[in-house]
Amino acid sequence: MASQYIPVRSGTALMISRSNAVSIQMDSADATLKVKDSADVLRHLVTKDQVQTLTNKTFTNPTITGGGGVYQTVGTPITASGAVPIAAGFVDITKAGVAALTLAAPVAGDEGTVITISSATAYAHTLTATGLLECGTAAVNVATFAAYPGAGLTLRATNLKWRVLASVAITFS
């Protein structure tokens, strides 16, 4: 079976081809994702206005890159206390016990990076980012997670700080 590649703005995505599969193409001219069907008709899958036509398609645990960043379906596990990596995506706290986490200040190259940190355990984890968390009140230093799985927050790097976009069962201090 041959492999096919889809060129994208930020790299190359590897696609594994099956004998009955159709090719998928990224059109860099109009930033759309297209597929040739069995009748050799070129059809749009995702258009530049984000319209999708992925009816009856099956994806198992995909990571999609290109265009606007990295989107993942499985979180990076945090199994010990320490620094949270500054990288777009999901972080799952899986430490058996309270995790004392730190988050460094974003640098100019991190601008717009979105990180979602979620607890998968029933412990009151802490995230310390001294003077860096903007949650709609005075800048805070610590986010404390309720001792339940599902407590979490989503942060976006904005002007060298971490703006809280959403939080569930988090106490800021």
N, C-alpha and C. Protein backbone atom coordinates (compact mmCIF):
# COMPACT_ATOMS: atom_id res chain seq x y z
N MET A 1 0.84 -1.19 0.00
CA MET A 1 0.00 0.00 0.00
C MET A 1 0.88 1.24 0.00
N ALA A 2 0.53 2.17 -0.81
CA ALA A 2 1.32 3.39 -0.94
C ALA A 2 0.92 4.40 0.12
N SER A 3 1.84 5.30 0.46
CA SER A 3 1.55 6.41 1.36
C SER A 3 1.33 7.65 0.52
N GLN A 4 0.43 8.50 0.96
CA GLN A 4 0.17 9.76 0.29
C GLN A 4 0.44 10.89 1.26
N TYR A 5 0.88 12.01 0.76
CA TYR A 5 1.17 13.16 1.61
C TYR A 5 0.26 14.32 1.24
N ILE A 6 -0.17 15.07 2.26
CA ILE A 6 -0.97 16.27 2.04
C ILE A 6 -0.08 17.45 2.43
N PRO A 7 0.33 18.31 1.48
CA PRO A 7 1.12 19.47 1.87
C PRO A 7 0.24 20.47 2.63
N VAL A 8 0.74 20.98 3.74
CA VAL A 8 0.04 22.01 4.50
C VAL A 8 1.01 23.12 4.79
N ARG A 9 0.50 24.26 5.22
CA ARG A 9 1.36 25.42 5.42
C ARG A 9 2.47 25.20 6.43
N SER A 10 2.25 24.39 7.45
CA SER A 10 3.26 24.28 8.51
C SER A 10 3.98 22.94 8.51
N GLY A 11 3.87 22.16 7.45
CA GLY A 11 4.55 20.87 7.43
C GLY A 11 3.88 19.92 6.48
N THR A 12 4.08 18.63 6.70
CA THR A 12 3.51 17.61 5.84
C THR A 12 2.76 16.61 6.69
N ALA A 13 1.56 16.28 6.28
CA ALA A 13 0.76 15.29 7.00
C ALA A 13 0.83 13.97 6.25
N LEU A 14 1.13 12.90 6.93
CA LEU A 14 1.23 11.58 6.33
C LEU A 14 -0.13 10.92 6.32
N MET A 15 -0.54 10.44 5.20
CA MET A 15 -1.79 9.70 5.08
C MET A 15 -1.45 8.30 4.59
N ILE A 16 -2.00 7.29 5.20
CA ILE A 16 -1.79 5.93 4.75
C ILE A 16 -2.93 5.58 3.81
N SER A 17 -2.59 5.11 2.63
CA SER A 17 -3.58 4.84 1.62
C SER A 17 -3.96 3.36 1.61
N ARG A 18 -5.23 3.10 1.41
CA ARG A 18 -5.72 1.74 1.23
C ARG A 18 -6.17 1.62 -0.21
N SER A 19 -6.28 0.40 -0.68
CA SER A 19 -6.61 0.19 -2.09
C SER A 19 -7.96 0.80 -2.46
N ASN A 20 -8.90 0.87 -1.54
CA ASN A 20 -10.22 1.42 -1.86
C ASN A 20 -10.38 2.87 -1.38
N ALA A 21 -9.30 3.52 -0.97
CA ALA A 21 -9.36 4.88 -0.45
C ALA A 21 -9.25 5.90 -1.58
N VAL A 22 -9.70 7.11 -1.29
CA VAL A 22 -9.57 8.20 -2.24
C VAL A 22 -8.51 9.16 -1.72
N SER A 23 -7.92 9.94 -2.60
CA SER A 23 -6.87 10.87 -2.17
C SER A 23 -7.47 12.14 -1.61
N ILE A 24 -6.80 12.70 -0.59
CA ILE A 24 -7.21 13.96 0.02
C ILE A 24 -6.13 14.98 -0.32
N GLN A 25 -6.53 16.19 -0.70
CA GLN A 25 -5.58 17.21 -1.12
C GLN A 25 -5.82 18.50 -0.35
N MET A 26 -4.73 19.19 -0.03
CA MET A 26 -4.83 20.54 0.56
C MET A 26 -4.52 21.51 -0.56
N ASP A 27 -5.47 22.34 -0.91
CA ASP A 27 -5.29 23.33 -1.97
C ASP A 27 -4.75 24.61 -1.35
N SER A 28 -3.46 24.88 -1.52
CA SER A 28 -2.84 26.05 -0.90
C SER A 28 -3.32 27.36 -1.52
N ALA A 29 -3.85 27.30 -2.73
CA ALA A 29 -4.33 28.52 -3.39
C ALA A 29 -5.54 29.10 -2.68
N ASP A 30 -6.46 28.23 -2.25
CA ASP A 30 -7.65 28.74 -1.58
C ASP A 30 -7.83 28.17 -0.17
N ALA A 31 -6.80 27.51 0.36
CA ALA A 31 -6.77 27.00 1.74
C ALA A 31 -7.97 26.10 2.03
N THR A 32 -8.23 25.16 1.11
CA THR A 32 -9.32 24.22 1.33
C THR A 32 -8.82 22.79 1.27
N LEU A 33 -9.54 21.90 1.93
CA LEU A 33 -9.24 20.48 1.92
C LEU A 33 -10.21 19.83 0.95
N LYS A 34 -9.67 19.05 -0.02
CA LYS A 34 -10.51 18.48 -1.07
C LYS A 34 -10.26 16.98 -1.20
N VAL A 35 -11.23 16.28 -1.78
CA VAL A 35 -11.12 14.85 -2.02
C VAL A 35 -11.67 14.55 -3.41
N LYS A 36 -11.02 13.60 -4.10
CA LYS A 36 -11.57 13.12 -5.37
C LYS A 36 -12.38 11.89 -5.07
N ASP A 37 -13.64 11.91 -5.46
CA ASP A 37 -14.50 10.76 -5.19
C ASP A 37 -14.27 9.66 -6.23
N SER A 38 -15.04 8.58 -6.12
CA SER A 38 -14.85 7.43 -7.01
C SER A 38 -15.14 7.76 -8.46
N ALA A 39 -15.89 8.83 -8.71
CA ALA A 39 -16.17 9.27 -10.08
C ALA A 39 -15.14 10.30 -10.55
N ASP A 40 -14.06 10.48 -9.79
CA ASP A 40 -12.98 11.41 -10.10
C ASP A 40 -13.44 12.87 -10.09
N VAL A 41 -14.48 13.17 -9.27
CA VAL A 41 -14.97 14.53 -9.11
C VAL A 41 -14.32 15.12 -7.86
N LEU A 42 -13.70 16.30 -8.00
CA LEU A 42 -13.04 16.96 -6.88
C LEU A 42 -14.08 17.65 -6.00
N ARG A 43 -14.15 17.28 -4.71
CA ARG A 43 -15.14 17.81 -3.79
C ARG A 43 -14.44 18.45 -2.59
N HIS A 44 -15.03 19.53 -2.05
CA HIS A 44 -14.50 20.21 -0.88
C HIS A 44 -14.89 19.44 0.38
N LEU A 45 -13.90 19.17 1.27
CA LEU A 45 -14.18 18.60 2.58
C LEU A 45 -14.33 19.70 3.61
N VAL A 46 -13.34 20.59 3.66
CA VAL A 46 -13.37 21.72 4.58
C VAL A 46 -13.00 22.95 3.78
N THR A 47 -13.87 23.95 3.77
CA THR A 47 -13.61 25.15 3.01
C THR A 47 -13.01 26.22 3.90
N LYS A 48 -12.54 27.29 3.30
CA LYS A 48 -11.89 28.34 4.08
C LYS A 48 -12.83 29.01 5.07
N ASP A 49 -14.15 28.89 4.89
CA ASP A 49 -15.09 29.44 5.87
C ASP A 49 -15.49 28.38 6.90
N GLN A 50 -14.69 27.31 7.01
CA GLN A 50 -14.83 26.26 8.03
C GLN A 50 -16.03 25.34 7.83
N VAL A 51 -16.64 25.34 6.65
CA VAL A 51 -17.74 24.42 6.38
C VAL A 51 -17.16 23.03 6.14
N GLN A 52 -17.69 22.05 6.83
CA GLN A 52 -17.16 20.69 6.73
C GLN A 52 -18.21 19.76 6.14
N THR A 53 -17.75 18.83 5.31
CA THR A 53 -18.63 17.81 4.78
C THR A 53 -17.99 16.45 5.00
N LEU A 54 -17.82 16.08 6.26
CA LEU A 54 -17.17 14.82 6.61
C LEU A 54 -18.20 13.77 7.01
N THR A 55 -19.33 13.75 6.33
CA THR A 55 -20.40 12.81 6.64
C THR A 55 -19.92 11.38 6.42
N ASN A 56 -20.22 10.52 7.39
CA ASN A 56 -19.91 9.10 7.31
C ASN A 56 -18.42 8.79 7.18
N LYS A 57 -17.59 9.62 7.80
CA LYS A 57 -16.15 9.38 7.82
C LYS A 57 -15.76 8.92 9.23
N THR A 58 -14.77 8.07 9.34
CA THR A 58 -14.32 7.57 10.64
C THR A 58 -12.88 7.99 10.87
N PHE A 59 -12.63 8.68 11.99
CA PHE A 59 -11.28 9.06 12.39
C PHE A 59 -11.05 8.47 13.77
N THR A 60 -9.94 7.81 13.97
CA THR A 60 -9.63 7.23 15.27
C THR A 60 -8.46 7.99 15.87
N ASN A 61 -8.71 8.74 16.95
CA ASN A 61 -7.68 9.47 17.68
C ASN A 61 -6.80 10.34 16.80
N PRO A 62 -7.37 11.23 15.97
CA PRO A 62 -6.54 12.02 15.07
C PRO A 62 -5.86 13.20 15.75
N THR A 63 -4.71 13.59 15.24
CA THR A 63 -4.08 14.86 15.55
C THR A 63 -4.00 15.61 14.23
N ILE A 64 -4.59 16.78 14.16
CA ILE A 64 -4.67 17.54 12.93
C ILE A 64 -3.78 18.76 13.07
N THR A 65 -2.87 18.97 12.11
CA THR A 65 -1.99 20.12 12.17
C THR A 65 -2.15 20.96 10.92
N GLY A 66 -1.69 22.21 11.01
CA GLY A 66 -1.71 23.09 9.86
C GLY A 66 -2.73 24.19 10.04
N GLY A 67 -2.56 25.25 9.30
CA GLY A 67 -3.52 26.34 9.32
C GLY A 67 -3.48 27.15 10.60
N GLY A 68 -4.00 26.64 11.70
CA GLY A 68 -4.12 27.44 12.90
C GLY A 68 -3.53 26.83 14.13
N GLY A 69 -2.81 25.75 14.04
CA GLY A 69 -2.22 25.18 15.23
C GLY A 69 -2.40 23.68 15.29
N VAL A 70 -2.22 23.13 16.46
CA VAL A 70 -2.31 21.70 16.65
C VAL A 70 -3.55 21.40 17.47
N TYR A 71 -4.32 20.43 17.05
CA TYR A 71 -5.52 20.02 17.75
C TYR A 71 -5.36 18.55 18.09
N GLN A 72 -5.53 18.19 19.31
CA GLN A 72 -5.34 16.80 19.69
C GLN A 72 -6.52 16.32 20.49
N THR A 73 -6.72 15.01 20.48
CA THR A 73 -7.86 14.46 21.20
C THR A 73 -7.44 13.78 22.49
N VAL A 74 -6.16 13.49 22.66
CA VAL A 74 -5.66 12.85 23.87
C VAL A 74 -4.72 13.82 24.57
N GLY A 75 -4.92 14.01 25.86
CA GLY A 75 -4.11 14.96 26.61
C GLY A 75 -2.73 14.41 26.96
N THR A 76 -1.79 15.33 27.14
CA THR A 76 -0.46 14.97 27.63
C THR A 76 -0.57 14.73 29.13
N PRO A 77 -0.21 13.54 29.62
CA PRO A 77 -0.37 13.28 31.05
C PRO A 77 0.69 13.98 31.90
N ILE A 78 0.27 14.53 33.03
CA ILE A 78 1.18 15.08 34.04
C ILE A 78 1.10 14.10 35.22
N THR A 79 2.19 13.37 35.44
CA THR A 79 2.18 12.31 36.46
C THR A 79 2.94 12.69 37.71
N ALA A 80 3.56 13.88 37.72
CA ALA A 80 4.35 14.32 38.87
C ALA A 80 4.26 15.83 38.99
N SER A 81 4.58 16.36 40.15
CA SER A 81 4.63 17.81 40.34
C SER A 81 5.75 18.37 39.47
N GLY A 82 5.60 19.63 39.04
CA GLY A 82 6.64 20.25 38.23
C GLY A 82 6.04 21.24 37.25
N ALA A 83 6.81 21.56 36.23
CA ALA A 83 6.42 22.59 35.25
C ALA A 83 5.48 22.01 34.20
N VAL A 84 4.45 22.80 33.87
CA VAL A 84 3.55 22.46 32.77
C VAL A 84 4.23 22.95 31.49
N PRO A 85 4.36 22.10 30.49
CA PRO A 85 5.00 22.55 29.24
C PRO A 85 4.14 23.59 28.53
N ILE A 86 4.80 24.59 27.96
CA ILE A 86 4.08 25.60 27.19
C ILE A 86 3.99 25.08 25.76
N ALA A 87 2.87 24.48 25.46
CA ALA A 87 2.60 23.94 24.13
C ALA A 87 1.09 23.88 23.97
N ALA A 88 0.61 24.23 22.79
CA ALA A 88 -0.82 24.20 22.54
C ALA A 88 -1.35 22.78 22.71
N GLY A 89 -2.49 22.66 23.38
CA GLY A 89 -3.12 21.36 23.51
C GLY A 89 -3.68 21.12 24.89
N PHE A 90 -3.91 19.84 25.17
CA PHE A 90 -4.53 19.42 26.42
C PHE A 90 -3.51 18.79 27.35
N VAL A 91 -3.64 19.08 28.64
CA VAL A 91 -2.80 18.48 29.67
C VAL A 91 -3.76 17.82 30.67
N ASP A 92 -3.54 16.55 30.96
CA ASP A 92 -4.35 15.82 31.94
C ASP A 92 -3.50 15.54 33.17
N ILE A 93 -3.94 16.02 34.34
CA ILE A 93 -3.22 15.75 35.59
C ILE A 93 -3.66 14.36 36.06
N THR A 94 -2.72 13.42 36.04
CA THR A 94 -3.02 12.03 36.41
C THR A 94 -2.25 11.60 37.65
N LYS A 95 -1.57 12.53 38.30
CA LYS A 95 -0.76 12.21 39.48
C LYS A 95 -1.63 11.64 40.59
N ALA A 96 -1.17 10.54 41.19
CA ALA A 96 -1.87 9.94 42.34
C ALA A 96 -1.43 10.69 43.59
N GLY A 97 -2.12 11.75 43.91
CA GLY A 97 -1.77 12.65 45.01
C GLY A 97 -1.83 14.07 44.49
N VAL A 98 -1.64 15.03 45.37
CA VAL A 98 -1.72 16.44 44.98
C VAL A 98 -0.52 16.80 44.10
N ALA A 99 -0.81 17.39 42.95
CA ALA A 99 0.25 17.87 42.05
C ALA A 99 0.45 19.36 42.28
N ALA A 100 1.68 19.76 42.57
CA ALA A 100 2.05 21.17 42.69
C ALA A 100 2.71 21.55 41.37
N LEU A 101 1.97 22.26 40.53
CA LEU A 101 2.43 22.58 39.18
C LEU A 101 2.80 24.04 39.07
N THR A 102 3.70 24.34 38.15
CA THR A 102 4.07 25.73 37.86
C THR A 102 3.91 25.97 36.37
N LEU A 103 3.65 27.21 36.03
CA LEU A 103 3.55 27.61 34.63
C LEU A 103 4.34 28.88 34.45
N ALA A 104 5.33 28.83 33.59
CA ALA A 104 6.21 29.98 33.34
C ALA A 104 5.47 31.02 32.51
N ALA A 105 6.01 32.23 32.50
CA ALA A 105 5.45 33.30 31.68
C ALA A 105 5.64 32.95 30.20
N PRO A 106 4.62 33.21 29.39
CA PRO A 106 4.80 33.00 27.96
C PRO A 106 5.74 34.06 27.40
N VAL A 107 6.46 33.70 26.35
CA VAL A 107 7.32 34.66 25.65
C VAL A 107 6.60 35.11 24.39
N ALA A 108 7.15 36.08 23.70
CA ALA A 108 6.49 36.66 22.53
C ALA A 108 6.10 35.58 21.51
N GLY A 109 6.92 34.59 21.32
CA GLY A 109 6.62 33.52 20.36
C GLY A 109 5.47 32.61 20.78
N ASP A 110 5.08 32.69 22.04
CA ASP A 110 3.96 31.87 22.55
C ASP A 110 2.61 32.57 22.38
N GLU A 111 2.61 33.82 21.95
CA GLU A 111 1.37 34.60 21.84
C GLU A 111 0.29 33.81 21.10
N GLY A 112 -0.88 33.69 21.74
CA GLY A 112 -2.00 32.97 21.14
C GLY A 112 -2.05 31.49 21.48
N THR A 113 -1.01 30.97 22.12
CA THR A 113 -1.00 29.55 22.50
C THR A 113 -2.11 29.29 23.51
N VAL A 114 -2.90 28.23 23.28
CA VAL A 114 -3.99 27.86 24.17
C VAL A 114 -3.68 26.51 24.81
N ILE A 115 -3.74 26.47 26.13
CA ILE A 115 -3.48 25.26 26.90
C ILE A 115 -4.71 24.98 27.76
N THR A 116 -5.19 23.75 27.72
CA THR A 116 -6.27 23.32 28.61
C THR A 116 -5.69 22.32 29.59
N ILE A 117 -5.85 22.60 30.89
CA ILE A 117 -5.32 21.74 31.95
C ILE A 117 -6.50 21.20 32.72
N SER A 118 -6.59 19.88 32.81
CA SER A 118 -7.74 19.24 33.45
C SER A 118 -7.26 18.16 34.41
N SER A 119 -7.96 18.03 35.54
CA SER A 119 -7.63 17.00 36.52
C SER A 119 -8.37 15.71 36.19
N ALA A 120 -7.65 14.61 36.21
CA ALA A 120 -8.25 13.30 36.02
C ALA A 120 -8.32 12.54 37.34
N THR A 121 -7.93 13.22 38.44
CA THR A 121 -7.90 12.57 39.75
C THR A 121 -8.63 13.42 40.79
N ALA A 122 -8.92 12.83 41.93
CA ALA A 122 -9.69 13.51 42.98
C ALA A 122 -8.76 14.12 44.03
N TYR A 123 -7.89 15.03 43.58
CA TYR A 123 -6.96 15.72 44.47
C TYR A 123 -7.00 17.21 44.18
N ALA A 124 -6.72 18.03 45.18
CA ALA A 124 -6.73 19.49 45.05
C ALA A 124 -5.38 19.98 44.53
N HIS A 125 -5.16 19.81 43.24
CA HIS A 125 -3.91 20.23 42.60
C HIS A 125 -3.80 21.76 42.61
N THR A 126 -2.57 22.26 42.53
CA THR A 126 -2.36 23.70 42.42
C THR A 126 -1.51 24.00 41.21
N LEU A 127 -1.81 25.12 40.56
CA LEU A 127 -1.03 25.64 39.44
C LEU A 127 -0.57 27.03 39.85
N THR A 128 0.74 27.23 39.96
CA THR A 128 1.30 28.52 40.35
C THR A 128 1.91 29.20 39.13
N ALA A 129 1.46 30.41 38.87
CA ALA A 129 1.99 31.25 37.79
C ALA A 129 2.00 32.67 38.35
N THR A 130 2.99 32.97 39.14
CA THR A 130 3.02 34.19 39.95
C THR A 130 2.79 35.46 39.13
N GLY A 131 1.65 36.13 39.43
CA GLY A 131 1.30 37.37 38.76
C GLY A 131 0.94 37.23 37.30
N LEU A 132 0.72 36.01 36.83
CA LEU A 132 0.53 35.78 35.40
C LEU A 132 -0.87 35.38 34.99
N LEU A 133 -1.73 35.04 35.95
CA LEU A 133 -3.07 34.56 35.62
C LEU A 133 -4.06 35.72 35.61
N GLU A 134 -4.65 35.99 34.45
CA GLU A 134 -5.65 37.04 34.32
C GLU A 134 -7.02 36.37 34.28
N CYS A 135 -7.78 36.52 35.37
CA CYS A 135 -9.05 35.81 35.49
C CYS A 135 -10.24 36.75 35.66
N GLY A 136 -10.09 38.02 35.31
CA GLY A 136 -11.19 38.96 35.44
C GLY A 136 -11.17 39.74 36.73
N THR A 137 -10.21 39.48 37.59
CA THR A 137 -9.99 40.26 38.81
C THR A 137 -8.53 40.67 38.79
N ALA A 138 -8.03 41.12 39.93
CA ALA A 138 -6.61 41.45 40.00
C ALA A 138 -5.80 40.22 39.60
N ALA A 139 -4.63 40.43 38.99
CA ALA A 139 -3.78 39.31 38.60
C ALA A 139 -3.54 38.41 39.81
N VAL A 140 -3.63 37.13 39.60
CA VAL A 140 -3.50 36.17 40.69
C VAL A 140 -2.28 35.29 40.48
N ASN A 141 -1.93 34.55 41.54
CA ASN A 141 -0.74 33.72 41.51
C ASN A 141 -1.03 32.22 41.41
N VAL A 142 -2.15 31.78 41.99
CA VAL A 142 -2.40 30.35 42.12
C VAL A 142 -3.82 30.00 41.68
N ALA A 143 -3.93 28.89 40.95
CA ALA A 143 -5.23 28.29 40.62
C ALA A 143 -5.27 26.96 41.36
N THR A 144 -6.27 26.78 42.22
CA THR A 144 -6.41 25.55 42.98
C THR A 144 -7.60 24.77 42.42
N PHE A 145 -7.35 23.53 42.06
CA PHE A 145 -8.37 22.66 41.47
C PHE A 145 -9.20 22.03 42.59
N ALA A 146 -10.52 21.95 42.42
CA ALA A 146 -11.35 21.21 43.36
C ALA A 146 -10.91 19.75 43.32
N ALA A 147 -11.10 19.05 44.41
CA ALA A 147 -10.62 17.66 44.52
C ALA A 147 -11.57 16.69 43.82
N TYR A 148 -11.81 16.95 42.54
CA TYR A 148 -12.70 16.11 41.74
C TYR A 148 -12.15 16.01 40.32
N PRO A 149 -12.27 14.85 39.69
CA PRO A 149 -11.92 14.77 38.26
C PRO A 149 -12.81 15.73 37.47
N GLY A 150 -12.25 16.37 36.48
CA GLY A 150 -13.00 17.31 35.66
C GLY A 150 -12.74 18.76 35.98
N ALA A 151 -12.17 19.05 37.15
CA ALA A 151 -11.79 20.43 37.45
C ALA A 151 -10.70 20.84 36.46
N GLY A 152 -10.78 22.05 35.95
CA GLY A 152 -9.75 22.45 34.99
C GLY A 152 -9.92 23.87 34.50
N LEU A 153 -9.00 24.28 33.63
CA LEU A 153 -9.05 25.62 33.08
C LEU A 153 -8.39 25.65 31.71
N THR A 154 -8.79 26.63 30.93
CA THR A 154 -8.20 26.86 29.61
C THR A 154 -7.57 28.24 29.63
N LEU A 155 -6.31 28.30 29.21
CA LEU A 155 -5.52 29.53 29.25
C LEU A 155 -5.04 29.88 27.85
N ARG A 156 -4.95 31.20 27.56
CA ARG A 156 -4.37 31.66 26.30
C ARG A 156 -3.27 32.67 26.60
N ALA A 157 -2.13 32.48 25.97
CA ALA A 157 -1.02 33.43 26.13
C ALA A 157 -1.40 34.73 25.43
N THR A 158 -1.48 35.81 26.25
CA THR A 158 -1.87 37.12 25.75
C THR A 158 -1.02 38.18 26.43
N ASN A 159 -0.26 38.93 25.64
CA ASN A 159 0.58 40.02 26.17
C ASN A 159 1.48 39.55 27.31
N LEU A 160 2.12 38.41 27.14
CA LEU A 160 3.09 37.84 28.08
C LEU A 160 2.47 37.43 29.42
N LYS A 161 1.16 37.19 29.42
CA LYS A 161 0.44 36.70 30.60
C LYS A 161 -0.42 35.52 30.15
N TRP A 162 -1.07 34.87 31.12
CA TRP A 162 -1.99 33.77 30.83
C TRP A 162 -3.41 34.24 31.11
N ARG A 163 -4.20 34.45 30.05
CA ARG A 163 -5.59 34.86 30.18
C ARG A 163 -6.45 33.62 30.36
N VAL A 164 -7.28 33.61 31.42
CA VAL A 164 -8.17 32.50 31.69
C VAL A 164 -9.38 32.63 30.76
N LEU A 165 -9.53 31.68 29.84
CA LEU A 165 -10.66 31.69 28.92
C LEU A 165 -11.87 30.99 29.53
N ALA A 166 -11.60 29.96 30.34
CA ALA A 166 -12.68 29.20 30.97
C ALA A 166 -12.09 28.47 32.17
N SER A 167 -12.94 28.23 33.17
CA SER A 167 -12.50 27.44 34.32
C SER A 167 -13.69 26.69 34.90
N VAL A 168 -13.44 25.50 35.41
CA VAL A 168 -14.44 24.67 36.05
C VAL A 168 -13.87 24.22 37.39
N ALA A 169 -14.56 24.57 38.48
CA ALA A 169 -14.17 24.14 39.83
C ALA A 169 -12.73 24.54 40.18
N ILE A 170 -12.40 25.81 39.87
CA ILE A 170 -11.07 26.37 40.16
C ILE A 170 -11.25 27.56 41.10
N THR A 171 -10.38 27.65 42.11
CA THR A 171 -10.34 28.80 43.00
C THR A 171 -9.05 29.56 42.71
N PHE A 172 -9.17 30.85 42.44
CA PHE A 172 -8.00 31.69 42.15
C PHE A 172 -7.63 32.48 43.39
N SER A 173 -6.31 32.59 43.67
CA SER A 173 -5.87 33.38 44.81
C SER A 173 -4.50 34.01 44.50
